[in-house]
Protein backbone atom coordinates (compact mmCIF):
# COMPACT_ATOMS: atom_id res chain seq x y z
CA UNK A 1 7.01 -13.83 -25.28
CA UNK A 2 4.36 -11.23 -24.41
CA UNK A 3 5.74 -7.70 -24.30
CA UNK A 4 4.74 -5.34 -21.53
CA UNK A 5 2.81 -2.19 -22.46
CA UNK A 6 5.19 -0.11 -20.32
CA UNK A 7 8.48 -1.04 -18.71
CA UNK A 8 11.10 0.50 -16.45
CA UNK A 9 14.28 -1.57 -16.23
CA UNK A 10 17.25 -0.97 -13.90
CA UNK A 11 16.85 2.82 -13.82
CA UNK A 12 18.38 5.25 -11.32
CA UNK A 13 16.09 8.26 -10.98
CA UNK A 14 18.06 11.49 -10.49
CA UNK A 15 17.27 15.16 -10.04
CA UNK A 16 19.70 18.03 -9.53
CA UNK A 17 22.63 15.63 -9.65
CA UNK A 18 21.26 13.55 -6.74
CA UNK A 19 19.99 9.99 -7.03
CA UNK A 20 16.55 9.73 -5.43
CA UNK A 21 15.63 6.10 -6.20
CA UNK A 22 18.12 3.43 -7.31
CA UNK A 23 17.96 0.48 -9.70
CA UNK A 24 14.19 0.54 -10.21
CA UNK A 25 12.43 -2.09 -12.32
CA UNK A 26 8.69 -2.55 -12.80
CA UNK A 27 6.26 -3.03 -15.65
CA UNK A 28 2.66 -2.51 -16.69
CA UNK A 29 1.50 -5.57 -18.56
CA UNK A 30 -1.63 -4.38 -20.35
CA UNK A 31 -2.96 -1.15 -21.78
CA UNK A 32 -5.49 0.40 -19.41
CA UNK A 33 -3.92 -0.94 -16.21
CA UNK A 34 -3.51 1.43 -13.26
CA UNK A 35 -0.57 1.21 -10.89
CA UNK A 36 0.16 3.28 -7.79
CA UNK A 37 3.50 4.27 -6.27
CA UNK A 38 3.41 4.77 -2.51
CA UNK A 39 5.97 6.37 -0.27
CA UNK A 40 6.63 9.22 2.16
CA UNK A 41 7.12 12.81 1.01
CA UNK A 42 10.48 13.60 -0.55
CA UNK A 43 11.32 9.98 -1.35
CA UNK A 44 11.49 10.50 -5.13
CA UNK A 45 8.00 9.62 -6.40
CA UNK A 46 7.60 12.88 -8.33
CA UNK A 47 11.11 12.49 -9.77
CA UNK A 48 10.04 9.13 -11.19
CA UNK A 49 7.03 10.74 -12.90
CA UNK A 50 9.11 13.64 -14.24
CA UNK A 51 11.64 11.23 -15.67
CA UNK A 52 9.01 9.04 -17.33
CA UNK A 53 7.48 12.20 -18.83
CA UNK A 54 10.91 13.15 -20.25
CA UNK A 55 11.61 16.15 -18.02
CA UNK A 56 14.64 14.43 -16.45
CA UNK A 57 17.22 12.24 -18.20
CA UNK A 58 18.57 8.85 -17.09
CA UNK A 59 22.14 7.57 -17.13
CA UNK A 60 21.43 3.86 -16.92
CA UNK A 61 18.70 1.34 -17.67
CA UNK A 62 15.75 1.98 -19.96
CA UNK A 63 12.14 3.19 -20.07
CA UNK A 64 9.92 1.72 -22.77
CA UNK A 65 6.35 2.44 -23.85
CA UNK A 66 4.57 0.21 -26.41
CA UNK A 67 7.94 -1.47 -27.08
CA UNK A 68 9.54 1.87 -28.01
CA UNK A 69 12.51 3.11 -25.97
CA UNK A 70 11.76 6.55 -24.54
CA UNK A 71 14.81 6.90 -22.28
CA UNK A 72 18.15 5.15 -21.96
CA UNK A 73 21.81 6.08 -21.62
CA UNK A 74 21.88 7.03 -25.33
CA UNK A 75 18.22 7.81 -26.13
CA UNK A 76 15.99 10.59 -24.80
CA UNK A 77 12.75 11.20 -26.66
CA UNK A 78 11.54 14.77 -26.09
CA UNK A 79 8.50 15.15 -23.77
CA UNK A 80 6.20 16.43 -26.51
CA UNK A 81 6.95 13.33 -28.62
CA UNK A 82 6.04 10.78 -25.93
CA UNK A 83 2.22 11.15 -25.83
CA UNK A 84 2.47 11.09 -22.04
CA UNK A 85 0.44 13.46 -19.88
CA UNK A 86 1.68 14.54 -16.44
CA UNK A 87 -0.70 16.21 -13.98
CA UNK A 88 1.26 17.86 -11.18
CA UNK A 89 0.13 18.00 -7.56
CA UNK A 90 0.29 21.78 -7.44
CA UNK A 91 -2.00 24.05 -9.45
CA UNK A 92 -0.71 23.91 -13.03
CA UNK A 93 -3.55 25.84 -14.66
CA UNK A 94 -2.77 28.89 -16.80
CA UNK A 95 -3.93 31.86 -14.68
CA UNK A 96 -5.03 34.04 -17.62
CA UNK A 97 -7.37 31.36 -19.04
CA UNK A 98 -10.74 30.28 -17.67
CA UNK A 99 -11.07 26.75 -16.34
CA UNK A 100 -12.95 25.80 -19.51
CA UNK A 101 -10.17 27.17 -21.74
CA UNK A 102 -7.55 25.38 -19.65
CA UNK A 103 -9.30 22.06 -20.16
CA UNK A 104 -9.89 22.68 -23.87
CA UNK A 105 -6.14 23.13 -24.32
CA UNK A 106 -5.93 19.42 -23.68
CA UNK A 107 -8.67 18.75 -26.24
CA UNK A 108 -6.77 20.79 -28.84
CA UNK A 109 -3.70 18.66 -28.25
CA UNK A 110 -5.88 15.63 -28.90
CA UNK A 111 -7.63 16.91 -32.02
CA UNK A 112 -5.62 14.74 -34.41
CA UNK A 113 -7.13 11.60 -32.86
CA UNK A 114 -10.03 10.32 -34.91
CA UNK A 115 -11.80 8.22 -32.28
CA UNK A 116 -12.95 10.17 -29.24
CA UNK A 117 -13.88 7.75 -26.46
CA UNK A 118 -15.14 10.46 -24.14
CA UNK A 119 -16.15 14.09 -24.61
CA UNK A 120 -15.52 17.34 -22.77
CA UNK A 121 -18.97 17.45 -21.15
CA UNK A 122 -18.76 13.89 -19.85
CA UNK A 123 -15.37 14.47 -18.25
CA UNK A 124 -16.39 17.69 -16.48
CA UNK A 125 -19.60 16.04 -15.26
CA UNK A 126 -17.78 13.01 -13.90
CA UNK A 127 -15.34 15.26 -12.05
CA UNK A 128 -18.17 17.53 -10.84
CA UNK A 129 -16.73 20.80 -12.16
CA UNK A 130 -19.40 22.26 -14.53
CA UNK A 131 -20.06 25.17 -12.11
CA UNK A 132 -16.48 26.46 -12.27
CA UNK A 133 -15.88 26.36 -16.03
CA UNK A 134 -16.27 30.14 -16.52
CA UNK A 135 -14.13 30.98 -13.48
CA UNK A 136 -10.40 31.68 -13.46
CA UNK A 137 -7.87 29.67 -11.43
CA UNK A 138 -7.60 32.32 -8.70
CA UNK A 139 -11.37 32.11 -8.14
CA UNK A 140 -11.55 28.39 -7.34
CA UNK A 141 -10.39 26.15 -4.49
CA UNK A 142 -7.25 24.01 -4.55
CA UNK A 143 -9.37 20.87 -4.86
CA UNK A 144 -11.31 22.31 -7.80
CA UNK A 145 -8.07 23.36 -9.49
CA UNK A 146 -6.72 19.85 -9.04
CA UNK A 147 -9.81 18.34 -10.67
CA UNK A 148 -9.63 20.83 -13.53
CA UNK A 149 -5.99 19.87 -14.15
CA UNK A 150 -7.02 16.23 -14.07
CA UNK A 151 -9.78 16.92 -16.63
CA UNK A 152 -7.24 18.60 -18.94
CA UNK A 153 -4.94 15.57 -18.69
CA UNK A 154 -7.74 13.07 -19.28
CA UNK A 155 -9.13 14.80 -22.34
CA UNK A 156 -5.77 14.42 -24.15
CA UNK A 157 -6.28 10.64 -23.98
CA UNK A 158 -2.54 9.95 -23.73
CA UNK A 159 -0.86 6.57 -24.09
CA UNK A 160 0.29 6.99 -20.48
CA UNK A 161 -1.16 9.25 -17.80
CA UNK A 162 0.97 10.28 -14.82
CA UNK A 163 -0.87 11.66 -11.78
CA UNK A 164 1.06 13.23 -8.90
CA UNK A 165 -1.08 13.12 -5.72
CA UNK A 166 -4.20 13.79 -7.86
CA UNK A 167 -6.65 14.02 -4.94
CA UNK A 168 -4.48 15.49 -2.19
CA UNK A 169 -6.45 18.77 -2.16
CA UNK A 170 -9.90 17.23 -2.47
CA UNK A 171 -12.08 17.40 0.66
CA UNK A 172 -12.07 14.12 2.58
CA UNK A 173 -15.87 13.89 2.44
CA UNK A 174 -15.74 14.02 -1.37
CA UNK A 175 -12.52 12.08 -1.96
CA UNK A 176 -13.99 8.56 -2.08
CA UNK A 177 -16.63 9.62 -4.59
CA UNK A 178 -13.98 11.23 -6.81
CA UNK A 179 -11.86 8.06 -6.55
CA UNK A 180 -14.80 6.04 -7.87
CA UNK A 181 -15.38 8.52 -10.70
CA UNK A 182 -11.69 8.65 -11.60
CA UNK A 183 -11.43 4.86 -11.76
CA UNK A 184 -14.56 4.75 -13.93
CA UNK A 185 -13.09 7.29 -16.37
CA UNK A 186 -9.72 5.58 -16.61
CA UNK A 187 -11.36 2.21 -17.26
CA UNK A 188 -13.72 3.64 -19.86
CA UNK A 189 -10.93 5.41 -21.73
CA UNK A 190 -8.55 2.48 -21.17
CA UNK A 191 -5.82 4.95 -20.24
CA UNK A 192 -2.75 3.33 -18.72
CA UNK A 193 -2.00 5.30 -15.55
CA UNK A 194 0.69 5.68 -12.91
CA UNK A 195 -0.56 7.40 -9.75
CA UNK A 196 1.77 8.71 -7.06
CA UNK A 197 0.25 8.98 -3.59
CA UNK A 198 1.07 8.76 0.11
CA UNK A 199 -2.45 7.44 0.88
CA UNK A 200 -2.38 3.64 1.05
CA UNK A 201 -6.19 3.34 0.97
CA UNK A 202 -6.27 5.36 -2.24
CA UNK A 203 -3.51 3.23 -3.76
CA UNK A 204 -5.18 -0.05 -2.75
CA UNK A 205 -8.48 1.05 -4.33
CA UNK A 206 -7.19 2.56 -7.57
CA UNK A 207 -4.20 0.39 -8.40
CA UNK A 208 -4.09 -3.13 -9.81
CA UNK A 209 -0.46 -3.08 -8.63
CA UNK A 210 1.22 -1.01 -5.90
CA UNK A 211 4.87 -0.13 -5.52
CA UNK A 212 6.33 0.85 -2.13
CA UNK A 213 9.29 3.25 -2.31
CA UNK A 214 11.46 3.58 0.79
CA UNK A 215 15.09 4.48 1.45
CA UNK A 216 15.98 5.04 -2.21
CA UNK A 217 14.55 1.67 -3.31
CA UNK A 218 11.39 0.16 -4.76
CA UNK A 219 10.90 -2.26 -1.86
CA UNK A 220 7.85 -4.16 -3.10
CA UNK A 221 5.77 -4.16 -6.28
CA UNK A 222 2.71 -6.39 -6.17
CA UNK A 223 -1.07 -6.42 -6.12
CA UNK A 224 -2.57 -4.45 -3.19
CA UNK A 225 -3.78 -7.55 -1.32
CA UNK A 226 -0.29 -9.02 -1.20
CA UNK A 227 1.33 -5.71 -0.28
CA UNK A 228 -1.03 -5.40 2.69
CA UNK A 229 -1.19 -9.00 3.89
CA UNK A 230 2.24 -10.25 2.76
CA UNK A 231 4.67 -7.32 3.18
CA UNK A 232 8.14 -8.45 2.17
CA UNK A 233 10.18 -6.43 4.69
CA UNK A 234 10.02 -4.80 8.09
CA UNK A 235 10.38 -1.44 6.33
CA UNK A 236 7.14 -2.01 4.40
CA UNK A 237 5.38 -3.12 7.60
CA UNK A 238 6.47 0.05 9.39
CA UNK A 239 5.49 2.29 6.49
CA UNK A 240 1.98 0.83 6.15
CA UNK A 241 1.55 1.03 9.94
CA UNK A 242 -1.15 -1.65 9.93
CA UNK A 243 0.15 -3.88 12.69
CA UNK A 244 2.92 -4.69 15.15
CA UNK A 245 5.89 -7.04 15.17
CA UNK A 246 6.22 -9.22 18.26
CA UNK A 247 8.93 -11.76 19.18
CA UNK A 248 8.08 -15.43 18.72
CA UNK A 249 9.72 -18.84 18.47
CA UNK A 250 8.91 -21.32 15.70
CA UNK A 251 7.71 -24.58 17.28
CA UNK A 252 6.56 -26.56 14.22
CA UNK A 253 6.00 -26.12 10.46
CA UNK A 254 2.59 -24.63 11.33
CA UNK A 255 2.98 -23.01 14.76
CA UNK A 256 4.96 -20.62 16.90
CA UNK A 257 4.87 -19.36 20.48
CA UNK A 258 4.80 -15.87 21.96
CA UNK A 259 5.27 -15.24 25.68
CA UNK A 260 2.12 -13.09 25.91
CA UNK A 261 -0.26 -14.75 23.44
CA UNK A 262 0.83 -18.38 23.75
CA UNK A 263 0.63 -20.77 20.79
CA UNK A 264 -0.32 -19.36 17.37
CA UNK A 265 -1.06 -21.66 14.45
CA UNK A 266 -1.33 -21.05 10.73
CA UNK A 267 0.49 -21.26 7.41
CA UNK A 268 3.88 -19.61 7.15
CA UNK A 269 4.34 -17.40 4.08
CA UNK A 270 8.05 -18.15 4.35
CA UNK A 271 9.25 -21.31 6.15
CA UNK A 272 11.62 -21.05 9.12
CA UNK A 273 13.56 -23.85 10.84
CA UNK A 274 12.01 -25.11 14.09
CA UNK A 275 13.52 -23.20 17.00
CA UNK A 276 14.03 -20.00 15.00
CA UNK A 277 13.46 -16.74 16.84
CA UNK A 278 11.42 -14.46 14.60
CA UNK A 279 9.41 -11.25 14.54
CA UNK A 280 5.74 -12.08 13.94
CA UNK A 281 3.43 -9.58 12.24
CA UNK A 282 0.13 -9.14 14.08
CA UNK A 283 -2.41 -7.05 12.13
CA UNK A 284 -5.60 -5.66 13.76
CA UNK A 285 -7.85 -8.26 12.11
CA UNK A 286 -5.66 -11.25 13.12
CA UNK A 287 -6.96 -11.53 16.70
CA UNK A 288 -10.60 -12.15 17.63
CA UNK A 289 -12.47 -10.78 20.62
CA UNK A 290 -13.90 -13.22 23.17
CA UNK A 291 -15.16 -12.00 26.56
CA UNK A 292 -15.02 -15.54 27.97
CA UNK A 293 -11.37 -16.14 27.07
CA UNK A 294 -8.77 -16.74 29.77
CA UNK A 295 -6.41 -14.45 27.84
CA UNK A 296 -7.37 -10.99 29.09
CA UNK A 297 -5.35 -7.90 28.14
CA UNK A 298 -5.65 -4.30 29.32
CA UNK A 299 -7.15 -1.68 26.98
CA UNK A 300 -4.96 1.43 26.78
CA UNK A 301 -6.63 3.14 23.82
CA UNK A 302 -9.79 2.91 21.69
CA UNK A 303 -10.25 4.49 18.27
CA UNK A 304 -13.72 4.74 16.75
CA UNK A 305 -13.66 4.32 12.95
CA UNK A 306 -17.40 4.43 12.24
CA UNK A 307 -17.84 0.82 11.15
CA UNK A 308 -15.26 -0.45 13.63
CA UNK A 309 -13.24 0.13 16.77
CA UNK A 310 -9.50 -0.36 16.95
CA UNK A 311 -8.58 -1.33 20.51
CA UNK A 312 -4.95 -1.03 21.60
CA UNK A 313 -4.11 -3.70 24.14
CA UNK A 314 -1.14 -3.83 26.50
CA UNK A 315 0.42 -7.23 27.09
CA UNK A 316 2.19 -8.33 30.30
CA UNK A 317 5.52 -7.64 28.57
CA UNK A 318 4.33 -4.04 27.86
CA UNK A 319 3.83 -4.50 24.11
CA UNK A 320 0.91 -2.71 22.42
CA UNK A 321 -1.24 -4.78 20.07
CA UNK A 322 -4.07 -3.37 17.88
CA UNK A 323 -7.29 -5.40 17.54
CA UNK A 324 -10.19 -4.73 15.15
CA UNK A 325 -13.80 -5.12 16.38
CA UNK A 326 -17.00 -4.24 14.45
CA UNK A 327 -18.68 -1.21 16.01
CA UNK A 328 -22.05 -2.98 16.26
CA UNK A 329 -20.51 -5.45 18.72
CA UNK A 330 -22.91 -5.50 21.66
CA UNK A 331 -20.29 -5.24 24.41
CA UNK A 332 -18.17 -2.14 23.95
CA UNK A 333 -15.15 -1.72 26.19
CA UNK A 334 -13.57 1.34 27.72
CA UNK A 335 -9.96 2.25 28.35
CA UNK A 336 -8.57 0.37 31.40
CA UNK A 337 -11.10 -2.47 30.89
CA UNK A 338 -9.96 -6.02 30.28
CA UNK A 339 -10.35 -7.38 26.75
CA UNK A 340 -10.48 -11.12 25.96
CA UNK A 341 -8.60 -12.66 23.03
CA UNK A 342 -10.10 -15.83 21.54
CA UNK A 343 -8.03 -19.00 21.90
CA UNK A 344 -6.63 -20.96 20.19
CA UNK A 345 -5.17 -18.18 18.07
CA UNK A 346 -5.09 -19.06 14.38
CA UNK A 347 -3.74 -16.78 11.64
CA UNK A 348 -4.33 -18.02 8.08
CA UNK A 349 -1.13 -16.53 6.71
CA UNK A 350 1.75 -16.12 9.15
CA UNK A 351 4.20 -13.36 8.18
CA UNK A 352 7.54 -13.40 9.98
CA UNK A 353 10.92 -11.75 9.62
């Protein structure tokens, strides 16, 4: 049986005597994999990282790294003995040291390692911080401080890297570039990483697996494609906010009916008996635009996203449905216009609850 590189099994994560997330189990199969934990603020994501790092103890279950138990009811390896690096969301730089000295503290911690896969200069170049090395923490922006903290964590080359909202203070215009650079570094160093974020796009890009934490539970842990297209609960659907649930009735093993949209065909992710009343997930890309269609719905909102528009359509039963259209589409519509939906409606993977 192949052992996982890292494993959390049946753990309650607690802080200050309060349980934040209950009975959590997930694993990282291979060294160098990146996983992301998604959830709203205050849900317990940081508590999970603190506990894995050894700053909080557990009362049940176990946490293992490289087949060694780090935490259990009876075992608690001290943080400095775990070879785990935790980069906090807030500025954790030492104020009386320059940025360069702060980063080199991480290199000093790593000096006993014989094989250096990446050097100081390469890390600071990849994170675009050479110009701030001689400055002190109070002289740089929050985003620069965050990248400097990240550089310090990376240069230690830990067995496990824990990043708490690592790009939350980075300017939006620069964030995607930093995401690409960060992923490149982590892959090159083959550093196994757990990233906590509230940004689903960031999680879907960086993580090979994503965990959704809601209401004190790890609701879903899967690859990003499945989390997005095959959410396993209404709670996950509502958190991702990428579609709408509408009432429908199952009419065959491959079809269902909705009073506004008519017959919808496709493959059910989960089978339902014929006649079942269900809630059908409609995501913006599920419906196609067709000016000639006899199904015309009223536009109540239009959001421009650069490469696309998201039209919000009102159905006769007053439900609001989002529809994705490429922005180069020749016939743009305005609010209060009619918008045609292509029939017959076919959705490859039908998700119902």
